[in-house]
Every structure is written in C-alpha cells, then in structure tokens.
PDB file of N, CA and C in Angstrom:
ATOM      1  N   MET A   1     -11.805  32.888 -18.620  1.00  0.00           N
ATOM      2  CA  MET A   1     -12.854  31.956 -18.281  1.00  0.00           C
ATOM      3  C   MET A   1     -12.396  30.551 -18.666  1.00  0.00           C
ATOM      4  N   ARG A   2     -12.521  29.647 -17.755  1.00  0.00           N
ATOM      5  CA  ARG A   2     -12.105  28.270 -17.993  1.00  0.00           C
ATOM      6  C   ARG A   2     -13.332  27.417 -18.294  1.00  0.00           C
ATOM      7  N   HIS A   3     -13.262  26.697 -19.363  1.00  0.00           N
ATOM      8  CA  HIS A   3     -14.368  25.825 -19.747  1.00  0.00           C
ATOM      9  C   HIS A   3     -14.253  24.506 -19.001  1.00  0.00           C
ATOM     10  N   MET A   4     -15.381  23.974 -18.586  1.00  0.00           N
ATOM     11  CA  MET A   4     -15.419  22.674 -17.912  1.00  0.00           C
ATOM     12  C   MET A   4     -15.937  21.625 -18.883  1.00  0.00           C
ATOM     13  N   PRO A   5     -15.268  20.469 -18.952  1.00  0.00           N
ATOM     14  CA  PRO A   5     -15.770  19.403 -19.822  1.00  0.00           C
ATOM     15  C   PRO A   5     -17.077  18.847 -19.271  1.00  0.00           C
ATOM     16  N   PRO A   6     -17.910  18.311 -20.139  1.00  0.00           N
ATOM     17  CA  PRO A   6     -19.174  17.739 -19.685  1.00  0.00           C
ATOM     18  C   PRO A   6     -18.968  16.494 -18.828  1.00  0.00           C
ATOM     19  N   GLN A   7     -17.807  15.858 -18.992  1.00  0.00           N
ATOM     20  CA  GLN A   7     -17.506  14.687 -18.175  1.00  0.00           C
ATOM     21  C   GLN A   7     -16.030  14.686 -17.809  1.00  0.00           C
ATOM     22  N   LEU A   8     -15.741  14.218 -16.610  1.00  0.00           N
ATOM     23  CA  LEU A   8     -14.373  14.040 -16.164  1.00  0.00           C
ATOM     24  C   LEU A   8     -14.049  12.555 -16.244  1.00  0.00           C
ATOM     25  N   LEU A   9     -12.965  12.235 -16.914  1.00  0.00           N
ATOM     26  CA  LEU A   9     -12.579  10.842 -17.088  1.00  0.00           C
ATOM     27  C   LEU A   9     -11.570  10.477 -16.000  1.00  0.00           C
ATOM     28  N   THR A  10     -11.817   9.352 -15.343  1.00  0.00           N
ATOM     29  CA  THR A  10     -10.957   8.967 -14.223  1.00  0.00           C
ATOM     30  C   THR A  10     -10.434   7.537 -14.307  1.00  0.00           C
ATOM     31  N   SER A  11     -11.132   6.650 -14.985  1.00  0.00           N
ATOM     32  CA  SER A  11     -10.688   5.250 -15.011  1.00  0.00           C
ATOM     33  C   SER A  11      -9.507   5.098 -15.958  1.00  0.00           C
ATOM     34  N   ARG A  12      -8.666   4.123 -15.694  1.00  0.00           N
ATOM     35  CA  ARG A  12      -7.511   3.850 -16.551  1.00  0.00           C
ATOM     36  C   ARG A  12      -7.974   3.538 -17.972  1.00  0.00           C
ATOM     37  N   GLU A  13      -9.061   2.799 -18.106  1.00  0.00           N
ATOM     38  CA  GLU A  13      -9.597   2.452 -19.427  1.00  0.00           C
ATOM     39  C   GLU A  13     -10.000   3.708 -20.208  1.00  0.00           C
ATOM     40  N   ASP A  14     -10.700   4.628 -19.553  1.00  0.00           N
ATOM     41  CA  ASP A  14     -11.117   5.872 -20.206  1.00  0.00           C
ATOM     42  C   ASP A  14      -9.915   6.735 -20.575  1.00  0.00           C
ATOM     43  N   LEU A  15      -8.923   6.803 -19.697  1.00  0.00           N
ATOM     44  CA  LEU A  15      -7.732   7.611 -19.971  1.00  0.00           C
ATOM     45  C   LEU A  15      -6.921   7.016 -21.117  1.00  0.00           C
ATOM     46  N   ASP A  16      -6.820   5.694 -21.181  1.00  0.00           N
ATOM     47  CA  ASP A  16      -6.120   5.052 -22.294  1.00  0.00           C
ATOM     48  C   ASP A  16      -6.822   5.351 -23.615  1.00  0.00           C
ATOM     49  N   ALA A  17      -8.154   5.299 -23.625  1.00  0.00           N
ATOM     50  CA  ALA A  17      -8.917   5.603 -24.843  1.00  0.00           C
ATOM     51  C   ALA A  17      -8.732   7.070 -25.243  1.00  0.00           C
ATOM     52  N   LEU A  18      -8.741   7.962 -24.265  1.00  0.00           N
ATOM     53  CA  LEU A  18      -8.542   9.385 -24.533  1.00  0.00           C
ATOM     54  C   LEU A  18      -7.155   9.631 -25.129  1.00  0.00           C
ATOM     55  N   GLU A  19      -6.137   9.035 -24.534  1.00  0.00           N
ATOM     56  CA  GLU A  19      -4.780   9.195 -25.048  1.00  0.00           C
ATOM     57  C   GLU A  19      -4.636   8.614 -26.452  1.00  0.00           C
ATOM     58  N   ALA A  20      -5.312   7.501 -26.726  1.00  0.00           N
ATOM     59  CA  ALA A  20      -5.267   6.907 -28.068  1.00  0.00           C
ATOM     60  C   ALA A  20      -5.895   7.848 -29.099  1.00  0.00           C
ATOM     61  N   ARG A  21      -7.001   8.483 -28.744  1.00  0.00           N
ATOM     62  CA  ARG A  21      -7.634   9.442 -29.662  1.00  0.00           C
ATOM     63  C   ARG A  21      -6.717  10.634 -29.908  1.00  0.00           C
ATOM     64  N   ILE A  22      -6.074  11.120 -28.852  1.00  0.00           N
ATOM     65  CA  ILE A  22      -5.179  12.271 -28.989  1.00  0.00           C
ATOM     66  C   ILE A  22      -4.057  11.974 -29.983  1.00  0.00           C
ATOM     67  N   THR A  23      -3.520  10.748 -29.979  1.00  0.00           N
ATOM     68  CA  THR A  23      -2.423  10.411 -30.898  1.00  0.00           C
ATOM     69  C   THR A  23      -2.853  10.457 -32.360  1.00  0.00           C
ATOM     70  N   LEU A  24      -4.154  10.373 -32.623  1.00  0.00           N
ATOM     71  CA  LEU A  24      -4.665  10.440 -33.999  1.00  0.00           C
ATOM     72  C   LEU A  24      -4.857  11.873 -34.480  1.00  0.00           C
ATOM     73  N   LEU A  25      -4.670  12.834 -33.598  1.00  0.00           N
ATOM     74  CA  LEU A  25      -4.974  14.234 -33.906  1.00  0.00           C
ATOM     75  C   LEU A  25      -3.691  15.044 -34.071  1.00  0.00           C
ATOM     76  N   ASP A  26      -2.964  14.747 -35.143  1.00  0.00           N
ATOM     77  CA  ASP A  26      -1.721  15.448 -35.433  1.00  0.00           C
ATOM     78  C   ASP A  26      -1.982  16.899 -35.819  1.00  0.00           C
ATOM     79  N   ASP A  27      -1.010  17.760 -35.551  1.00  0.00           N
ATOM     80  CA  ASP A  27      -1.100  19.152 -35.983  1.00  0.00           C
ATOM     81  C   ASP A  27      -1.395  19.194 -37.479  1.00  0.00           C
ATOM     82  N   GLU A  28      -2.362  20.016 -37.870  1.00  0.00           N
ATOM     83  CA  GLU A  28      -2.753  20.274 -39.250  1.00  0.00           C
ATOM     84  C   GLU A  28      -3.355  19.069 -39.974  1.00  0.00           C
ATOM     85  N   ALA A  29      -3.723  18.028 -39.247  1.00  0.00           N
ATOM     86  CA  ALA A  29      -4.436  16.905 -39.875  1.00  0.00           C
ATOM     87  C   ALA A  29      -5.868  17.337 -40.164  1.00  0.00           C
ATOM     88  N   ARG A  30      -6.380  16.901 -41.281  1.00  0.00           N
ATOM     89  CA  ARG A  30      -7.789  17.127 -41.596  1.00  0.00           C
ATOM     90  C   ARG A  30      -8.545  15.884 -41.156  1.00  0.00           C
ATOM     91  N   VAL A  31      -9.559  16.110 -40.333  1.00  0.00           N
ATOM     92  CA  VAL A  31     -10.270  14.978 -39.740  1.00  0.00           C
ATOM     93  C   VAL A  31     -11.782  15.195 -39.750  1.00  0.00           C
ATOM     94  N   ARG A  32     -12.475  14.087 -39.650  1.00  0.00           N
ATOM     95  CA  ARG A  32     -13.921  14.077 -39.413  1.00  0.00           C
ATOM     96  C   ARG A  32     -14.096  13.355 -38.083  1.00  0.00           C
ATOM     97  N   VAL A  33     -14.664  14.047 -37.094  1.00  0.00           N
ATOM     98  CA  VAL A  33     -14.890  13.410 -35.798  1.00  0.00           C
ATOM     99  C   VAL A  33     -16.382  13.223 -35.591  1.00  0.00           C
ATOM    100  N   THR A  34     -16.733  12.038 -35.107  1.00  0.00           N
ATOM    101  CA  THR A  34     -18.108  11.735 -34.767  1.00  0.00           C
ATOM    102  C   THR A  34     -18.193  11.675 -33.252  1.00  0.00           C
ATOM    103  N   LEU A  35     -19.145  12.413 -32.708  1.00  0.00           N
ATOM    104  CA  LEU A  35     -19.318  12.470 -31.265  1.00  0.00           C
ATOM    105  C   LEU A  35     -20.291  11.399 -30.797  1.00  0.00           C
ATOM    106  N   HIS A  36     -20.295  11.148 -29.495  1.00  0.00           N
ATOM    107  CA  HIS A  36     -21.183  10.125 -28.930  1.00  0.00           C
ATOM    108  C   HIS A  36     -22.650  10.410 -29.229  1.00  0.00           C
ATOM    109  N   ASP A  37     -23.025  11.692 -29.397  1.00  0.00           N
ATOM    110  CA  ASP A  37     -24.422  12.026 -29.684  1.00  0.00           C
ATOM    111  C   ASP A  37     -24.768  11.874 -31.172  1.00  0.00           C
ATOM    112  N   GLY A  38     -23.781  11.441 -31.980  1.00  0.00           N
ATOM    113  CA  GLY A  38     -24.006  11.228 -33.404  1.00  0.00           C
ATOM    114  C   GLY A  38     -23.671  12.416 -34.288  1.00  0.00           C
ATOM    115  N   SER A  39     -23.424  13.582 -33.701  1.00  0.00           N
ATOM    116  CA  SER A  39     -23.069  14.737 -34.521  1.00  0.00           C
ATOM    117  C   SER A  39     -21.655  14.576 -35.075  1.00  0.00           C
ATOM    118  N   VAL A  40     -21.411  15.239 -36.207  1.00  0.00           N
ATOM    119  CA  VAL A  40     -20.142  15.124 -36.921  1.00  0.00           C
ATOM    120  C   VAL A  40     -19.560  16.513 -37.122  1.00  0.00           C
ATOM    121  N   VAL A  41     -18.243  16.621 -36.918  1.00  0.00           N
ATOM    122  CA  VAL A  41     -17.533  17.882 -37.143  1.00  0.00           C
ATOM    123  C   VAL A  41     -16.315  17.571 -37.998  1.00  0.00           C
ATOM    124  N   GLU A  42     -16.098  18.384 -39.037  1.00  0.00           N
ATOM    125  CA  GLU A  42     -14.924  18.239 -39.894  1.00  0.00           C
ATOM    126  C   GLU A  42     -14.073  19.485 -39.783  1.00  0.00           C
ATOM    127  N   GLY A  43     -12.765  19.287 -39.825  1.00  0.00           N
ATOM    128  CA  GLY A  43     -11.894  20.443 -39.776  1.00  0.00           C
ATOM    129  C   GLY A  43     -10.431  20.058 -39.745  1.00  0.00           C
ATOM    130  N   THR A  44      -9.595  21.092 -39.641  1.00  0.00           N
ATOM    131  CA  THR A  44      -8.149  20.934 -39.555  1.00  0.00           C
ATOM    132  C   THR A  44      -7.737  21.133 -38.108  1.00  0.00           C
ATOM    133  N   VAL A  45      -6.963  20.185 -37.579  1.00  0.00           N
ATOM    134  CA  VAL A  45      -6.495  20.270 -36.193  1.00  0.00           C
ATOM    135  C   VAL A  45      -5.517  21.434 -36.100  1.00  0.00           C
ATOM    136  N   SER A  46      -5.831  22.428 -35.253  1.00  0.00           N
ATOM    137  CA  SER A  46      -4.934  23.576 -35.125  1.00  0.00           C
ATOM    138  C   SER A  46      -3.674  23.196 -34.346  1.00  0.00           C
ATOM    139  N   ALA A  47      -3.810  22.376 -33.331  1.00  0.00           N
ATOM    140  CA  ALA A  47      -2.683  21.850 -32.552  1.00  0.00           C
ATOM    141  C   ALA A  47      -3.175  20.609 -31.819  1.00  0.00           C
ATOM    142  N   ARG A  48      -2.309  19.615 -31.697  1.00  0.00           N
ATOM    143  CA  ARG A  48      -2.705  18.383 -31.008  1.00  0.00           C
ATOM    144  C   ARG A  48      -3.160  18.732 -29.594  1.00  0.00           C
ATOM    145  N   PRO A  49      -4.331  18.232 -29.197  1.00  0.00           N
ATOM    146  CA  PRO A  49      -4.809  18.503 -27.837  1.00  0.00           C
ATOM    147  C   PRO A  49      -3.924  17.805 -26.803  1.00  0.00           C
ATOM    148  N   THR A  50      -3.969  18.307 -25.585  1.00  0.00           N
ATOM    149  CA  THR A  50      -3.201  17.709 -24.496  1.00  0.00           C
ATOM    150  C   THR A  50      -4.143  17.293 -23.381  1.00  0.00           C
ATOM    151  N   LEU A  51      -3.774  16.234 -22.707  1.00  0.00           N
ATOM    152  CA  LEU A  51      -4.531  15.738 -21.567  1.00  0.00           C
ATOM    153  C   LEU A  51      -4.437  16.779 -20.458  1.00  0.00           C
ATOM    154  N   GLU A  52      -5.579  17.207 -19.931  1.00  0.00           N
ATOM    155  CA  GLU A  52      -5.605  18.208 -18.879  1.00  0.00           C
ATOM    156  C   GLU A  52      -6.361  17.693 -17.664  1.00  0.00           C
ATOM    157  N   VAL A  53      -6.037  18.249 -16.517  1.00  0.00           N
ATOM    158  CA  VAL A  53      -6.713  17.906 -15.263  1.00  0.00           C
ATOM    159  C   VAL A  53      -7.736  18.986 -14.964  1.00  0.00           C
ATOM    160  N   PHE A  54      -8.941  18.575 -14.583  1.00  0.00           N
ATOM    161  CA  PHE A  54     -10.016  19.486 -14.221  1.00  0.00           C
ATOM    162  C   PHE A  54     -10.594  19.070 -12.882  1.00  0.00           C
ATOM    163  N   ARG A  55     -11.205  20.020 -12.194  1.00  0.00           N
ATOM    164  CA  ARG A  55     -11.952  19.745 -10.966  1.00  0.00           C
ATOM    165  C   ARG A  55     -13.360  20.290 -11.155  1.00  0.00           C
ATOM    166  N   ASN A  56     -14.356  19.500 -10.750  1.00  0.00           N
ATOM    167  CA  ASN A  56     -15.734  19.978 -10.835  1.00  0.00           C
ATOM    168  C   ASN A  56     -16.081  20.773  -9.570  1.00  0.00           C
ATOM    169  N   ALA A  57     -17.302  21.235  -9.486  1.00  0.00           N
ATOM    170  CA  ALA A  57     -17.733  22.073  -8.357  1.00  0.00           C
ATOM    171  C   ALA A  57     -17.632  21.347  -7.020  1.00  0.00           C
ATOM    172  N   ASP A  58     -17.700  20.012  -7.048  1.00  0.00           N
ATOM    173  CA  ASP A  58     -17.593  19.222  -5.816  1.00  0.00           C
ATOM    174  C   ASP A  58     -16.146  18.932  -5.439  1.00  0.00           C
ATOM    175  N   GLY A  59     -15.200  19.361  -6.278  1.00  0.00           N
ATOM    176  CA  GLY A  59     -13.791  19.126  -5.998  1.00  0.00           C
ATOM    177  C   GLY A  59     -13.263  17.811  -6.545  1.00  0.00           C
ATOM    178  N   ASP A  60     -14.100  17.064  -7.262  1.00  0.00           N
ATOM    179  CA  ASP A  60     -13.657  15.811  -7.864  1.00  0.00           C
ATOM    180  C   ASP A  60     -12.714  16.116  -9.022  1.00  0.00           C
ATOM    181  N   GLU A  61     -11.660  15.344  -9.141  1.00  0.00           N
ATOM    182  CA  GLU A  61     -10.646  15.557 -10.165  1.00  0.00           C
ATOM    183  C   GLU A  61     -10.775  14.507 -11.262  1.00  0.00           C
ATOM    184  N   GLY A  62     -10.564  14.931 -12.492  1.00  0.00           N
ATOM    185  CA  GLY A  62     -10.587  14.028 -13.626  1.00  0.00           C
ATOM    186  C   GLY A  62      -9.877  14.655 -14.807  1.00  0.00           C
ATOM    187  N   HIS A  63      -9.910  13.984 -15.939  1.00  0.00           N
ATOM    188  CA  HIS A  63      -9.172  14.432 -17.120  1.00  0.00           C
ATOM    189  C   HIS A  63     -10.090  14.556 -18.327  1.00  0.00           C
ATOM    190  N   ASN A  64      -9.639  15.352 -19.282  1.00  0.00           N
ATOM    191  CA  ASN A  64     -10.242  15.467 -20.594  1.00  0.00           C
ATOM    192  C   ASN A  64      -9.271  16.282 -21.429  1.00  0.00           C
ATOM    193  N   ALA A  65      -9.612  16.529 -22.679  1.00  0.00           N
ATOM    194  CA  ALA A  65      -8.773  17.327 -23.572  1.00  0.00           C
ATOM    195  C   ALA A  65      -9.683  18.079 -24.531  1.00  0.00           C
ATOM    196  N   ARG A  66      -9.283  19.288 -24.878  1.00  0.00           N
ATOM    197  CA  ARG A  66     -10.085  20.148 -25.758  1.00  0.00           C
ATOM    198  C   ARG A  66      -9.416  20.210 -27.123  1.00  0.00           C
ATOM    199  N   LEU A  67     -10.197  19.911 -28.157  1.00  0.00           N
ATOM    200  CA  LEU A  67      -9.722  19.917 -29.540  1.00  0.00           C
ATOM    201  C   LEU A  67     -10.278  21.129 -30.263  1.00  0.00           C
ATOM    202  N   ARG A  68      -9.392  21.851 -30.945  1.00  0.00           N
ATOM    203  CA  ARG A  68      -9.834  22.949 -31.812  1.00  0.00           C
ATOM    204  C   ARG A  68      -9.662  22.500 -33.256  1.00  0.00           C
ATOM    205  N   LEU A  69     -10.768  22.558 -33.993  1.00  0.00           N
ATOM    206  CA  LEU A  69     -10.755  22.256 -35.425  1.00  0.00           C
ATOM    207  C   LEU A  69     -11.128  23.510 -36.188  1.00  0.00           C
ATOM    208  N   ASP A  70     -10.289  23.888 -37.158  1.00  0.00           N
ATOM    209  CA  ASP A  70     -10.618  24.992 -38.048  1.00  0.00           C
ATOM    210  C   ASP A  70     -11.451  24.414 -39.188  1.00  0.00           C
ATOM    211  N   ASP A  71     -12.628  24.989 -39.400  1.00  0.00           N
ATOM    212  CA  ASP A  71     -13.577  24.494 -40.394  1.00  0.00           C
ATOM    213  C   ASP A  71     -12.910  24.340 -41.762  1.00  0.00           C
ATOM    214  N   LEU A  72     -13.244  23.262 -42.471  1.00  0.00           N
ATOM    215  CA  LEU A  72     -12.634  23.011 -43.782  1.00  0.00           C
ATOM    216  C   LEU A  72     -13.090  24.016 -44.835  1.00  0.00           C
ATOM    217  N   VAL A  73     -14.345  24.449 -44.760  1.00  0.00           N
ATOM    218  CA  VAL A  73     -14.882  25.384 -45.752  1.00  0.00           C
ATOM    219  C   VAL A  73     -14.589  26.831 -45.368  1.00  0.00           C
ATOM    220  N   GLN A  74     -14.730  27.151 -44.093  1.00  0.00           N
ATOM    221  CA  GLN A  74     -14.480  28.502 -43.584  1.00  0.00           C
ATOM    222  C   GLN A  74     -13.420  28.423 -42.482  1.00  0.00           C
ATOM    223  N   PRO A  75     -12.128  28.397 -42.859  1.00  0.00           N
ATOM    224  CA  PRO A  75     -11.052  28.185 -41.889  1.00  0.00           C
ATOM    225  C   PRO A  75     -11.025  29.197 -40.739  1.00  0.00           C
ATOM    226  N   GLU A  76     -11.639  30.348 -40.926  1.00  0.00           N
ATOM    227  CA  GLU A  76     -11.670  31.345 -39.844  1.00  0.00           C
ATOM    228  C   GLU A  76     -12.659  30.961 -38.744  1.00  0.00           C
ATOM    229  N   THR A  77     -13.481  29.942 -39.004  1.00  0.00           N
ATOM    230  CA  THR A  77     -14.445  29.445 -38.024  1.00  0.00           C
ATOM    231  C   THR A  77     -13.834  28.256 -37.296  1.00  0.00           C
ATOM    232  N   ALA A  78     -13.800  28.340 -35.962  1.00  0.00           N
ATOM    233  CA  ALA A  78     -13.230  27.257 -35.162  1.00  0.00           C
ATOM    234  C   ALA A  78     -14.336  26.471 -34.468  1.00  0.00           C
ATOM    235  N   HIS A  79     -14.151  25.159 -34.418  1.00  0.00           N
ATOM    236  CA  HIS A  79     -15.035  24.264 -33.683  1.00  0.00           C
ATOM    237  C   HIS A  79     -14.240  23.736 -32.493  1.00  0.00           C
ATOM    238  N   HIS A  80     -14.828  23.738 -31.315  1.00  0.00           N
ATOM    239  CA  HIS A  80     -14.168  23.227 -30.113  1.00  0.00           C
ATOM    240  C   HIS A  80     -14.916  21.984 -29.656  1.00  0.00           C
ATOM    241  N   VAL A  81     -14.165  20.896 -29.473  1.00  0.00           N
ATOM    242  CA  VAL A  81     -14.739  19.592 -29.152  1.00  0.00           C
ATOM    243  C   VAL A  81     -13.972  19.002 -27.978  1.00  0.00           C
ATOM    244  N   TRP A  82     -14.690  18.409 -27.028  1.00  0.00           N
ATOM    245  CA  TRP A  82     -14.043  17.662 -25.955  1.00  0.00           C
ATOM    246  C   TRP A  82     -13.678  16.285 -26.504  1.00  0.00           C
ATOM    247  N   VAL A  83     -12.407  15.924 -26.430  1.00  0.00           N
ATOM    248  CA  VAL A  83     -11.950  14.643 -26.974  1.00  0.00           C
ATOM    249  C   VAL A  83     -12.645  13.480 -26.263  1.00  0.00           C
ATOM    250  N   GLY A  84     -12.999  13.656 -25.013  1.00  0.00           N
ATOM    251  CA  GLY A  84     -13.733  12.622 -24.293  1.00  0.00           C
ATOM    252  C   GLY A  84     -15.110  12.347 -24.860  1.00  0.00           C
ATOM    253  N   ASP A  85     -15.640  13.261 -25.668  1.00  0.00           N
ATOM    254  CA  ASP A  85     -16.945  13.083 -26.304  1.00  0.00           C
ATOM    255  C   ASP A  85     -16.837  12.463 -27.692  1.00  0.00           C
ATOM    256  N   VAL A  86     -15.608  12.233 -28.175  1.00  0.00           N
ATOM    257  CA  VAL A  86     -15.397  11.713 -29.523  1.00  0.00           C
ATOM    258  C   VAL A  86     -15.558  10.197 -29.537  1.00  0.00           C
ATOM    259  N   ARG A  87     -16.375   9.718 -30.472  1.00  0.00           N
ATOM    260  CA  ARG A  87     -16.590   8.280 -30.656  1.00  0.00           C
ATOM    261  C   ARG A  87     -15.686   7.731 -31.748  1.00  0.00           C
ATOM    262  N   ASP A  88     -15.467   8.525 -32.820  1.00  0.00           N
ATOM    263  CA  ASP A  88     -14.692   8.041 -33.960  1.00  0.00           C
ATOM    264  C   ASP A  88     -13.941   9.190 -34.609  1.00  0.00           C
ATOM    265  N   ILE A  89     -12.756   8.898 -35.130  1.00  0.00           N
ATOM    266  CA  ILE A  89     -11.944   9.879 -35.850  1.00  0.00           C
ATOM    267  C   ILE A  89     -11.584   9.289 -37.206  1.00  0.00           C
ATOM    268  N   GLU A  90     -11.919  10.027 -38.252  1.00  0.00           N
ATOM    269  CA  GLU A  90     -11.549   9.614 -39.611  1.00  0.00           C
ATOM    270  C   GLU A  90     -10.584  10.649 -40.169  1.00  0.00           C
ATOM    271  N   ARG A  91      -9.443  10.202 -40.604  1.00  0.00           N
ATOM    272  CA  ARG A  91      -8.454  11.118 -41.192  1.00  0.00           C
ATOM    273  C   ARG A  91      -8.819  11.405 -42.646  1.00  0.00           C
ATOM    274  N   LEU A  92      -8.782  12.684 -43.018  1.00  0.00           N
ATOM    275  CA  LEU A  92      -9.132  13.105 -44.373  1.00  0.00           C
ATOM    276  C   LEU A  92      -7.919  13.593 -45.149  1.00  0.00           C
ATOM    277  N   GLY A  93      -6.747  13.632 -44.512  1.00  0.00           N
ATOM    278  CA  GLY A  93      -5.529  14.132 -45.151  1.00  0.00           C
ATOM    279  C   GLY A  93      -4.856  15.137 -44.249  1.00  0.00           C
ATOM    280  N   SER A  94      -4.026  15.990 -44.849  1.00  0.00           N
ATOM    281  CA  SER A  94      -3.349  17.028 -44.080  1.00  0.00           C
ATOM    282  C   SER A  94      -3.405  18.338 -44.835  1.00  0.00           C
ATOM    283  N   ALA A  95      -3.237  19.418 -44.095  1.00  0.00           N
ATOM    284  CA  ALA A  95      -3.345  20.758 -44.682  1.00  0.00           C
ATOM    285  C   ALA A  95      -2.111  21.087 -45.496  1.00  0.00           C
TER     286      ALA A  95
END
C-alpha cells in the first residue's frame, strides 16, 4: 500500500524548502519537529528521507518526502511525518 502525502509540492520555492529540511535530517539525528498544525514530534531519524514523486487521483504530479522517527522514549514506536508538513526542525543531538 502506498501512502499519499496530504499535499503535493510543485513550485521551485516549495521544493527548495523541502530539500533544505531534508538536509537537516541526518541518519540517527535526534530531532524535535514542529508541524504546520502546531503538533510536535520528537525522535531519532531512522534514515534521511528522500524526495519522492507522487501522483494524485487526478494524475497531477508533485513531490514530498516521508520521515520516520523512532520515538525517544519508546524506540520501538515509529512516527511517520511528511516533510512537507514540517514547519521547524530542532536538533537534539545524535543517537
């Protein structure tokens, strides 16, 4: 089953911002990410996300990236976040 991002990013400005966020998400970095809706997720980056191409039901093409964070308190619990939904990234250290 393939997950669809809530938004497809297409403008050069949005793609540049997405790529900039991805560069902050090093393998095994501990981070706190704040999403556009104000929610916060903390965890360890399992692997740096990659820019991916998606198509919606209408056939429109765009980009996004999926981030997996292993919970800091319960590492067996994974959080999945669309990088396009991230407003801020705070580095907390490394694993």
